[in-house]
Amino acid sequence: MSIDQLKAFLARMQDDPGLRQSVVAAATADDVAQIALALGYEFSGDELLRLSGQKVGRVTVTKQDMPGEYN
């Protein structure tokens, strides 16, 4: 069910420039999940990362490697 929530969030994001800007500015996938949760969409950062490289509607999910990021 959370993948459906994620896809619904991405669909909303493609039509909302302010939301898109917030998502692009987010530092981590978990930050994006928190933005989504505040809007009523529930999914995890890990679920978002699993869609990396895939296109959902007009949105392509891309994992950004941050310099100095350690896992």
Protein backbone atom coordinates (compact mmCIF):
# COMPACT_ATOMS: atom_id res chain seq x y z
CA MET A 1 0.00 0.00 0.00
CA SER A 2 2.80 2.46 0.73
CA ILE A 3 4.08 2.14 -2.86
CA ASP A 4 0.65 3.35 -3.96
CA GLN A 5 1.01 6.27 -1.53
CA LEU A 6 4.46 7.02 -2.95
CA LYS A 7 3.16 7.00 -6.52
CA ALA A 8 0.26 9.26 -5.55
CA PHE A 9 2.71 11.68 -3.90
CA LEU A 10 4.91 11.74 -7.02
CA ALA A 11 1.84 12.42 -9.16
CA ARG A 12 0.95 15.37 -6.92
CA MET A 13 4.54 16.61 -6.98
CA GLN A 14 4.64 16.75 -10.79
CA ASP A 15 1.84 19.33 -10.79
CA ASP A 16 2.95 21.39 -7.77
CA PRO A 17 6.09 23.50 -8.38
CA GLY A 18 6.44 24.48 -4.71
CA LEU A 19 6.29 20.88 -3.58
CA ARG A 20 8.74 19.85 -6.29
CA GLN A 21 11.18 22.53 -5.09
CA SER A 22 10.89 21.28 -1.48
CA VAL A 23 11.56 17.71 -2.57
CA VAL A 24 14.55 18.67 -4.71
CA ALA A 25 15.99 20.66 -1.78
CA ALA A 26 15.57 17.73 0.66
CA ALA A 27 18.85 16.21 1.81
CA THR A 28 17.74 12.58 2.14
CA ALA A 29 15.03 10.19 1.02
CA ASP A 30 13.79 10.14 4.62
CA ASP A 31 13.40 13.93 4.44
CA VAL A 32 11.24 13.50 1.34
CA ALA A 33 9.17 10.89 3.19
CA GLN A 34 8.65 13.40 6.04
CA ILE A 35 7.49 16.09 3.57
CA ALA A 36 5.05 13.56 2.13
CA LEU A 37 3.83 12.49 5.57
CA ALA A 38 2.95 16.10 6.40
CA LEU A 39 0.70 16.05 3.31
CA GLY A 40 -0.94 12.74 4.24
CA TYR A 41 1.17 10.33 2.17
CA GLU A 42 2.87 7.50 4.06
CA PHE A 43 5.96 5.74 2.72
CA SER A 44 9.57 5.30 3.81
CA GLY A 45 12.77 6.72 2.42
CA ASP A 46 13.83 3.15 1.60
CA GLU A 47 10.73 2.67 -0.54
CA LEU A 48 11.53 5.88 -2.38
CA LEU A 49 15.11 4.71 -2.99
CA ARG A 50 13.82 1.42 -4.42
CA LEU A 51 12.17 3.44 -7.21
CA SER A 52 15.48 5.09 -8.15
CA GLY A 53 15.93 5.11 -11.91
CA GLN A 54 12.23 4.55 -12.56
CA LYS A 55 9.78 6.99 -14.09
CA VAL A 56 6.41 7.53 -12.42
CA GLY A 57 4.21 9.76 -14.55
CA ARG A 58 6.38 12.70 -15.54
CA VAL A 59 8.70 12.26 -12.54
CA THR A 60 11.91 10.25 -12.73
CA VAL A 61 13.16 9.15 -9.31
CA THR A 62 16.90 9.70 -9.08
CA LYS A 63 19.12 9.00 -6.07
CA GLN A 64 21.58 11.82 -5.53
CA ASP A 65 24.94 10.90 -4.05
CA MET A 66 25.98 13.59 -1.64
CA PRO A 67 29.73 14.20 -1.21
CA GLY A 68 30.81 13.34 2.31
CA GLU A 69 27.75 11.16 2.95
CA TYR A 70 28.56 7.99 4.86
CA ASN A 71 26.33 4.96 5.35
